[in-house]
PDB file of N, CA and C in Angstrom:
ATOM      1  N   UNK A   1     108.374  64.719  96.871  1.00  0.00           N
ATOM      2  CA  UNK A   1     109.744  64.424  97.263  1.00  0.00           C
ATOM      3  C   UNK A   1     109.952  62.915  97.277  1.00  0.00           C
ATOM      4  N   UNK A   2     111.153  62.539  97.276  1.00  0.00           N
ATOM      5  CA  UNK A   2     111.525  61.137  97.279  1.00  0.00           C
ATOM      6  C   UNK A   2     111.254  60.565  98.666  1.00  0.00           C
ATOM      7  N   UNK A   3     110.936  59.294  98.732  1.00  0.00           N
ATOM      8  CA  UNK A   3     110.624  58.653 100.009  1.00  0.00           C
ATOM      9  C   UNK A   3     111.870  58.421 100.841  1.00  0.00           C
ATOM     10  N   UNK A   4     112.982  58.217 100.188  1.00  0.00           N
ATOM     11  CA  UNK A   4     114.232  57.961 100.905  1.00  0.00           C
ATOM     12  C   UNK A   4     115.280  58.926 100.367  1.00  0.00           C
ATOM     13  N   UNK A   5     115.931  59.642 101.245  1.00  0.00           N
ATOM     14  CA  UNK A   5     116.932  60.614 100.817  1.00  0.00           C
ATOM     15  C   UNK A   5     118.181  59.895 100.320  1.00  0.00           C
ATOM     16  N   UNK A   6     119.016  60.617  99.542  1.00  0.00           N
ATOM     17  CA  UNK A   6     120.275  60.020  99.109  1.00  0.00           C
ATOM     18  C   UNK A   6     121.258  59.866 100.265  1.00  0.00           C
ATOM     19  N   UNK A   7     120.897  60.312 101.473  1.00  0.00           N
ATOM     20  CA  UNK A   7     121.680  60.158 102.701  1.00  0.00           C
ATOM     21  C   UNK A   7     122.989  60.934 102.718  1.00  0.00           C
ATOM     22  N   UNK A   8     123.827  60.731 101.708  1.00  0.00           N
ATOM     23  CA  UNK A   8     125.153  61.320 101.737  1.00  0.00           C
ATOM     24  C   UNK A   8     125.453  62.006 100.398  1.00  0.00           C
ATOM     25  N   UNK A   9     126.076  63.165 100.477  1.00  0.00           N
ATOM     26  CA  UNK A   9     126.454  63.917  99.283  1.00  0.00           C
ATOM     27  C   UNK A   9     127.525  63.155  98.504  1.00  0.00           C
ATOM     28  N   UNK A  10     127.367  63.128  97.190  1.00  0.00           N
ATOM     29  CA  UNK A  10     128.334  62.449  96.321  1.00  0.00           C
ATOM     30  C   UNK A  10     129.668  63.181  96.270  1.00  0.00           C
ATOM     31  N   UNK A  11     129.668  64.478  96.591  1.00  0.00           N
ATOM     32  CA  UNK A  11     130.868  65.288  96.440  1.00  0.00           C
ATOM     33  C   UNK A  11     131.682  65.416  97.721  1.00  0.00           C
ATOM     34  N   UNK A  12     130.990  65.636  98.860  1.00  0.00           N
ATOM     35  CA  UNK A  12     131.739  65.898 100.097  1.00  0.00           C
ATOM     36  C   UNK A  12     131.367  64.947 101.235  1.00  0.00           C
ATOM     37  N   UNK A  13     130.446  64.039 100.964  1.00  0.00           N
ATOM     38  CA  UNK A  13     129.963  63.069 101.951  1.00  0.00           C
ATOM     39  C   UNK A  13     129.247  63.721 103.129  1.00  0.00           C
ATOM     40  N   UNK A  14     128.732  64.957 102.915  1.00  0.00           N
ATOM     41  CA  UNK A  14     127.912  65.620 103.931  1.00  0.00           C
ATOM     42  C   UNK A  14     126.521  64.996 103.981  1.00  0.00           C
ATOM     43  N   UNK A  15     125.749  65.362 104.994  1.00  0.00           N
ATOM     44  CA  UNK A  15     124.386  64.864 105.154  1.00  0.00           C
ATOM     45  C   UNK A  15     123.455  65.641 104.226  1.00  0.00           C
ATOM     46  N   UNK A  16     122.604  64.925 103.498  1.00  0.00           N
ATOM     47  CA  UNK A  16     121.664  65.533 102.563  1.00  0.00           C
ATOM     48  C   UNK A  16     120.304  65.646 103.247  1.00  0.00           C
ATOM     49  N   UNK A  17     119.702  66.852 103.155  1.00  0.00           N
ATOM     50  CA  UNK A  17     118.435  67.142 103.818  1.00  0.00           C
ATOM     51  C   UNK A  17     117.380  67.566 102.808  1.00  0.00           C
ATOM     52  N   UNK A  18     116.133  67.266 103.128  1.00  0.00           N
ATOM     53  CA  UNK A  18     115.005  67.678 102.292  1.00  0.00           C
ATOM     54  C   UNK A  18     114.723  69.160 102.540  1.00  0.00           C
ATOM     55  N   UNK A  19     114.599  69.934 101.451  1.00  0.00           N
ATOM     56  CA  UNK A  19     114.324  71.370 101.567  1.00  0.00           C
ATOM     57  C   UNK A  19     113.460  71.835 100.404  1.00  0.00           C
ATOM     58  N   UNK A  20     112.879  73.008 100.577  1.00  0.00           N
ATOM     59  CA  UNK A  20     112.202  73.713  99.493  1.00  0.00           C
ATOM     60  C   UNK A  20     113.117  74.885  99.148  1.00  0.00           C
ATOM     61  N   UNK A  21     113.527  74.964  97.885  1.00  0.00           N
ATOM     62  CA  UNK A  21     114.555  75.941  97.499  1.00  0.00           C
ATOM     63  C   UNK A  21     114.122  76.790  96.304  1.00  0.00           C
ATOM     64  N   UNK A  22     114.910  77.808  96.029  1.00  0.00           N
ATOM     65  CA  UNK A  22     114.828  78.511  94.756  1.00  0.00           C
ATOM     66  C   UNK A  22     115.907  77.862  93.890  1.00  0.00           C
ATOM     67  N   UNK A  23     115.485  77.147  92.865  1.00  0.00           N
ATOM     68  CA  UNK A  23     116.420  76.390  92.032  1.00  0.00           C
ATOM     69  C   UNK A  23     116.901  77.227  90.854  1.00  0.00           C
ATOM     70  N   UNK A  24     118.182  77.140  90.590  1.00  0.00           N
ATOM     71  CA  UNK A  24     118.775  77.720  89.379  1.00  0.00           C
ATOM     72  C   UNK A  24     118.900  76.569  88.400  1.00  0.00           C
ATOM     73  N   UNK A  25     118.274  76.713  87.219  1.00  0.00           N
ATOM     74  CA  UNK A  25     118.203  75.620  86.259  1.00  0.00           C
ATOM     75  C   UNK A  25     118.748  76.101  84.920  1.00  0.00           C
ATOM     76  N   UNK A  26     119.714  75.384  84.373  1.00  0.00           N
ATOM     77  CA  UNK A  26     120.319  75.732  83.082  1.00  0.00           C
ATOM     78  C   UNK A  26     119.667  74.897  81.990  1.00  0.00           C
ATOM     79  N   UNK A  27     119.281  75.571  80.896  1.00  0.00           N
ATOM     80  CA  UNK A  27     118.619  74.875  79.796  1.00  0.00           C
ATOM     81  C   UNK A  27     118.942  75.590  78.496  1.00  0.00           C
ATOM     82  N   UNK A  28     119.568  74.881  77.564  1.00  0.00           N
ATOM     83  CA  UNK A  28     119.909  75.417  76.238  1.00  0.00           C
ATOM     84  C   UNK A  28     120.601  76.777  76.321  1.00  0.00           C
ATOM     85  N   UNK A  29     121.608  76.857  77.186  1.00  0.00           N
ATOM     86  CA  UNK A  29     122.404  78.070  77.282  1.00  0.00           C
ATOM     87  C   UNK A  29     121.773  79.196  78.082  1.00  0.00           C
ATOM     88  N   UNK A  30     120.600  78.972  78.636  1.00  0.00           N
ATOM     89  CA  UNK A  30     119.948  79.999  79.433  1.00  0.00           C
ATOM     90  C   UNK A  30     119.762  79.503  80.859  1.00  0.00           C
ATOM     91  N   UNK A  31     119.641  80.441  81.772  1.00  0.00           N
ATOM     92  CA  UNK A  31     119.417  80.109  83.171  1.00  0.00           C
ATOM     93  C   UNK A  31     118.064  80.648  83.590  1.00  0.00           C
ATOM     94  N   UNK A  32     117.286  79.808  84.254  1.00  0.00           N
ATOM     95  CA  UNK A  32     116.035  80.265  84.844  1.00  0.00           C
ATOM     96  C   UNK A  32     116.072  79.928  86.330  1.00  0.00           C
ATOM     97  N   UNK A  33     115.322  80.679  87.090  1.00  0.00           N
ATOM     98  CA  UNK A  33     115.171  80.424  88.520  1.00  0.00           C
ATOM     99  C   UNK A  33     113.729  80.020  88.766  1.00  0.00           C
ATOM    100  N   UNK A  34     113.535  79.009  89.583  1.00  0.00           N
ATOM    101  CA  UNK A  34     112.195  78.517  89.889  1.00  0.00           C
ATOM    102  C   UNK A  34     112.046  78.490  91.408  1.00  0.00           C
ATOM    103  N   UNK A  35     111.007  79.153  91.905  1.00  0.00           N
ATOM    104  CA  UNK A  35     110.758  79.208  93.347  1.00  0.00           C
ATOM    105  C   UNK A  35     110.033  77.973  93.853  1.00  0.00           C
ATOM    106  N   UNK A  36     110.249  77.690  95.124  1.00  0.00           N
ATOM    107  CA  UNK A  36     109.540  76.650  95.876  1.00  0.00           C
ATOM    108  C   UNK A  36     109.668  75.266  95.245  1.00  0.00           C
ATOM    109  N   UNK A  37     110.892  74.865  94.961  1.00  0.00           N
ATOM    110  CA  UNK A  37     111.178  73.563  94.344  1.00  0.00           C
ATOM    111  C   UNK A  37     111.607  72.573  95.430  1.00  0.00           C
ATOM    112  N   UNK A  38     110.969  71.401  95.496  1.00  0.00           N
ATOM    113  CA  UNK A  38     111.417  70.383  96.454  1.00  0.00           C
ATOM    114  C   UNK A  38     112.754  69.800  96.004  1.00  0.00           C
ATOM    115  N   UNK A  39     113.700  69.732  96.919  1.00  0.00           N
ATOM    116  CA  UNK A  39     115.039  69.249  96.575  1.00  0.00           C
ATOM    117  C   UNK A  39     115.680  68.604  97.791  1.00  0.00           C
ATOM    118  N   UNK A  40     116.760  67.910  97.528  1.00  0.00           N
ATOM    119  CA  UNK A  40     117.637  67.383  98.574  1.00  0.00           C
ATOM    120  C   UNK A  40     118.899  68.228  98.506  1.00  0.00           C
ATOM    121  N   UNK A  41     119.323  68.789  99.639  1.00  0.00           N
ATOM    122  CA  UNK A  41     120.452  69.717  99.659  1.00  0.00           C
ATOM    123  C   UNK A  41     121.469  69.260 100.705  1.00  0.00           C
ATOM    124  N   UNK A  42     122.729  69.243 100.302  1.00  0.00           N
ATOM    125  CA  UNK A  42     123.800  68.880 101.230  1.00  0.00           C
ATOM    126  C   UNK A  42     123.978  69.999 102.254  1.00  0.00           C
ATOM    127  N   UNK A  43     123.941  69.645 103.522  1.00  0.00           N
ATOM    128  CA  UNK A  43     124.121  70.620 104.587  1.00  0.00           C
ATOM    129  C   UNK A  43     125.547  71.123 104.710  1.00  0.00           C
ATOM    130  N   UNK A  44     126.480  70.441 104.071  1.00  0.00           N
ATOM    131  CA  UNK A  44     127.897  70.818 104.163  1.00  0.00           C
ATOM    132  C   UNK A  44     128.333  71.694 102.984  1.00  0.00           C
ATOM    133  N   UNK A  45     128.096  71.234 101.755  1.00  0.00           N
ATOM    134  CA  UNK A  45     128.584  71.972 100.580  1.00  0.00           C
ATOM    135  C   UNK A  45     127.474  72.649  99.768  1.00  0.00           C
ATOM    136  N   UNK A  46     126.202  72.318 100.042  1.00  0.00           N
ATOM    137  CA  UNK A  46     125.099  72.964  99.341  1.00  0.00           C
ATOM    138  C   UNK A  46     124.708  72.327  98.017  1.00  0.00           C
ATOM    139  N   UNK A  47     125.356  71.237  97.632  1.00  0.00           N
ATOM    140  CA  UNK A  47     125.003  70.554  96.381  1.00  0.00           C
ATOM    141  C   UNK A  47     123.517  70.186  96.416  1.00  0.00           C
ATOM    142  N   UNK A  48     122.846  70.376  95.264  1.00  0.00           N
ATOM    143  CA  UNK A  48     121.408  70.121  95.185  1.00  0.00           C
ATOM    144  C   UNK A  48     121.132  68.880  94.352  1.00  0.00           C
ATOM    145  N   UNK A  49     120.159  68.110  94.804  1.00  0.00           N
ATOM    146  CA  UNK A  49     119.716  66.908  94.098  1.00  0.00           C
ATOM    147  C   UNK A  49     118.210  66.999  93.912  1.00  0.00           C
ATOM    148  N   UNK A  50     117.736  66.573  92.732  1.00  0.00           N
ATOM    149  CA  UNK A  50     116.305  66.582  92.450  1.00  0.00           C
ATOM    150  C   UNK A  50     115.838  65.177  92.125  1.00  0.00           C
ATOM    151  N   UNK A  51     114.642  64.832  92.599  1.00  0.00           N
ATOM    152  CA  UNK A  51     114.027  63.577  92.188  1.00  0.00           C
ATOM    153  C   UNK A  51     113.702  63.670  90.704  1.00  0.00           C
ATOM    154  N   UNK A  52     113.604  62.537  90.022  1.00  0.00           N
ATOM    155  CA  UNK A  52     113.343  62.520  88.578  1.00  0.00           C
ATOM    156  C   UNK A  52     112.076  63.288  88.196  1.00  0.00           C
ATOM    157  N   UNK A  53     110.934  63.104  88.885  1.00  0.00           N
ATOM    158  CA  UNK A  53     109.738  63.863  88.496  1.00  0.00           C
ATOM    159  C   UNK A  53     109.915  65.374  88.661  1.00  0.00           C
ATOM    160  N   UNK A  54     110.649  65.788  89.672  1.00  0.00           N
ATOM    161  CA  UNK A  54     110.911  67.214  89.887  1.00  0.00           C
ATOM    162  C   UNK A  54     111.792  67.747  88.762  1.00  0.00           C
ATOM    163  N   UNK A  55     112.830  67.007  88.396  1.00  0.00           N
ATOM    164  CA  UNK A  55     113.722  67.423  87.312  1.00  0.00           C
ATOM    165  C   UNK A  55     112.960  67.528  85.990  1.00  0.00           C
ATOM    166  N   UNK A  56     112.083  66.560  85.724  1.00  0.00           N
ATOM    167  CA  UNK A  56     111.273  66.594  84.492  1.00  0.00           C
ATOM    168  C   UNK A  56     110.387  67.836  84.471  1.00  0.00           C
ATOM    169  N   UNK A  57     109.829  68.172  85.635  1.00  0.00           N
ATOM    170  CA  UNK A  57     108.982  69.359  85.701  1.00  0.00           C
ATOM    171  C   UNK A  57     109.803  70.624  85.467  1.00  0.00           C
ATOM    172  N   UNK A  58     111.008  70.688  86.028  1.00  0.00           N
ATOM    173  CA  UNK A  58     111.895  71.823  85.773  1.00  0.00           C
ATOM    174  C   UNK A  58     112.218  71.940  84.285  1.00  0.00           C
ATOM    175  N   UNK A  59     112.460  70.816  83.632  1.00  0.00           N
ATOM    176  CA  UNK A  59     112.693  70.824  82.180  1.00  0.00           C
ATOM    177  C   UNK A  59     111.490  71.383  81.444  1.00  0.00           C
ATOM    178  N   UNK A  60     110.293  70.959  81.846  1.00  0.00           N
ATOM    179  CA  UNK A  60     109.065  71.454  81.214  1.00  0.00           C
ATOM    180  C   UNK A  60     108.902  72.950  81.392  1.00  0.00           C
ATOM    181  N   UNK A  61     109.193  73.448  82.589  1.00  0.00           N
ATOM    182  CA  UNK A  61     109.122  74.887  82.842  1.00  0.00           C
ATOM    183  C   UNK A  61     110.123  75.615  81.953  1.00  0.00           C
ATOM    184  N   UNK A  62     111.336  75.078  81.839  1.00  0.00           N
ATOM    185  CA  UNK A  62     112.371  75.703  81.012  1.00  0.00           C
ATOM    186  C   UNK A  62     111.994  75.691  79.532  1.00  0.00           C
ATOM    187  N   UNK A  63     111.407  74.597  79.064  1.00  0.00           N
ATOM    188  CA  UNK A  63     111.006  74.508  77.653  1.00  0.00           C
ATOM    189  C   UNK A  63     109.944  75.543  77.309  1.00  0.00           C
ATOM    190  N   UNK A  64     109.118  75.893  78.273  1.00  0.00           N
ATOM    191  CA  UNK A  64     108.047  76.866  78.056  1.00  0.00           C
ATOM    192  C   UNK A  64     108.370  78.196  78.740  1.00  0.00           C
ATOM    193  N   UNK A  65     109.661  78.537  78.781  1.00  0.00           N
ATOM    194  CA  UNK A  65     110.100  79.721  79.516  1.00  0.00           C
ATOM    195  C   UNK A  65     109.533  81.019  78.955  1.00  0.00           C
ATOM    196  N   UNK A  66     109.072  81.027  77.706  1.00  0.00           N
ATOM    197  CA  UNK A  66     108.474  82.250  77.158  1.00  0.00           C
ATOM    198  C   UNK A  66     107.171  82.592  77.870  1.00  0.00           C
ATOM    199  N   UNK A  67     106.588  81.629  78.557  1.00  0.00           N
ATOM    200  CA  UNK A  67     105.342  81.867  79.294  1.00  0.00           C
ATOM    201  C   UNK A  67     105.599  82.371  80.715  1.00  0.00           C
ATOM    202  N   UNK A  68     106.858  82.423  81.126  1.00  0.00           N
ATOM    203  CA  UNK A  68     107.187  82.914  82.464  1.00  0.00           C
ATOM    204  C   UNK A  68     106.966  84.424  82.482  1.00  0.00           C
ATOM    205  N   UNK A  69     106.190  84.890  83.445  1.00  0.00           N
ATOM    206  CA  UNK A  69     105.799  86.303  83.482  1.00  0.00           C
ATOM    207  C   UNK A  69     106.690  87.166  84.371  1.00  0.00           C
ATOM    208  N   UNK A  70     107.372  86.574  85.321  1.00  0.00           N
ATOM    209  CA  UNK A  70     108.160  87.343  86.280  1.00  0.00           C
ATOM    210  C   UNK A  70     109.641  87.256  85.927  1.00  0.00           C
ATOM    211  N   UNK A  71     110.335  88.385  86.014  1.00  0.00           N
ATOM    212  CA  UNK A  71     111.779  88.388  85.805  1.00  0.00           C
ATOM    213  C   UNK A  71     112.447  89.035  87.020  1.00  0.00           C
ATOM    214  N   UNK A  72     113.705  88.703  87.219  1.00  0.00           N
ATOM    215  CA  UNK A  72     114.483  89.308  88.295  1.00  0.00           C
ATOM    216  C   UNK A  72     115.757  89.892  87.697  1.00  0.00           C
ATOM    217  N   UNK A  73     116.277  90.907  88.341  1.00  0.00           N
ATOM    218  CA  UNK A  73     117.538  91.519  87.916  1.00  0.00           C
ATOM    219  C   UNK A  73     118.528  91.406  89.063  1.00  0.00           C
ATOM    220  N   UNK A  74     119.777  91.211  88.715  1.00  0.00           N
ATOM    221  CA  UNK A  74     120.812  91.156  89.734  1.00  0.00           C
ATOM    222  C   UNK A  74     122.108  91.667  89.136  1.00  0.00           C
ATOM    223  N   UNK A  75     122.987  92.215  89.985  1.00  0.00           N
ATOM    224  CA  UNK A  75     124.258  92.728  89.479  1.00  0.00           C
ATOM    225  C   UNK A  75     125.156  91.592  88.992  1.00  0.00           C
ATOM    226  N   UNK A  76     125.882  91.862  87.941  1.00  0.00           N
ATOM    227  CA  UNK A  76     126.807  90.880  87.389  1.00  0.00           C
ATOM    228  C   UNK A  76     128.166  91.546  87.216  1.00  0.00           C
ATOM    229  N   UNK A  77     129.146  91.052  87.924  1.00  0.00           N
ATOM    230  CA  UNK A  77     130.506  91.582  87.828  1.00  0.00           C
ATOM    231  C   UNK A  77     131.347  90.658  86.960  1.00  0.00           C
ATOM    232  N   UNK A  78     132.307  91.237  86.278  1.00  0.00           N
ATOM    233  CA  UNK A  78     133.262  90.444  85.519  1.00  0.00           C
ATOM    234  C   UNK A  78     134.474  90.217  86.411  1.00  0.00           C
ATOM    235  N   UNK A  79     134.845  88.984  86.596  1.00  0.00           N
ATOM    236  CA  UNK A  79     135.899  88.611  87.541  1.00  0.00           C
ATOM    237  C   UNK A  79     137.206  89.349  87.277  1.00  0.00           C
ATOM    238  N   UNK A  80     137.668  89.339  86.014  1.00  0.00           N
ATOM    239  CA  UNK A  80     138.962  89.952  85.691  1.00  0.00           C
ATOM    240  C   UNK A  80     138.941  91.470  85.830  1.00  0.00           C
ATOM    241  N   UNK A  81     137.780  92.080  85.635  1.00  0.00           N
ATOM    242  CA  UNK A  81     137.687  93.533  85.675  1.00  0.00           C
ATOM    243  C   UNK A  81     137.358  94.061  87.070  1.00  0.00           C
ATOM    244  N   UNK A  82     136.930  93.199  87.969  1.00  0.00           N
ATOM    245  CA  UNK A  82     136.527  93.640  89.305  1.00  0.00           C
ATOM    246  C   UNK A  82     137.745  94.039  90.132  1.00  0.00           C
ATOM    247  N   UNK A  83     137.677  95.200  90.719  1.00  0.00           N
ATOM    248  CA  UNK A  83     138.741  95.680  91.597  1.00  0.00           C
ATOM    249  C   UNK A  83     138.287  95.477  93.032  1.00  0.00           C
ATOM    250  N   UNK A  84     139.085  94.779  93.786  1.00  0.00           N
ATOM    251  CA  UNK A  84     138.752  94.528  95.186  1.00  0.00           C
ATOM    252  C   UNK A  84     139.711  95.329  96.043  1.00  0.00           C
ATOM    253  N   UNK A  85     139.158  96.149  96.909  1.00  0.00           N
ATOM    254  CA  UNK A  85     139.990  96.951  97.805  1.00  0.00           C
ATOM    255  C   UNK A  85     139.940  96.350  99.199  1.00  0.00           C
ATOM    256  N   UNK A  86     141.101  96.216  99.802  1.00  0.00           N
ATOM    257  CA  UNK A  86     141.170  95.635 101.154  1.00  0.00           C
ATOM    258  C   UNK A  86     141.020  96.689 102.209  1.00  0.00           C
TER     259      UNK A  86
END
């Protein structure tokens, strides 16, 4: 992790805290999830920040995503087609 936090969120000016998260990472049109990633997270809006070495490692994991052995499934709804009942 970085020695000094970014202190304040760039988007909402909330306090940024050091956390270990499950990161959602977009790479070449695909999304991967990586567990136990060190990050800085805004306590107000949830915006995530990564130190440069952490981001580089996430890129490396994404580049070699064919070697990832675990997959997860989750429901995906289409916004326009979803019917919400009150």
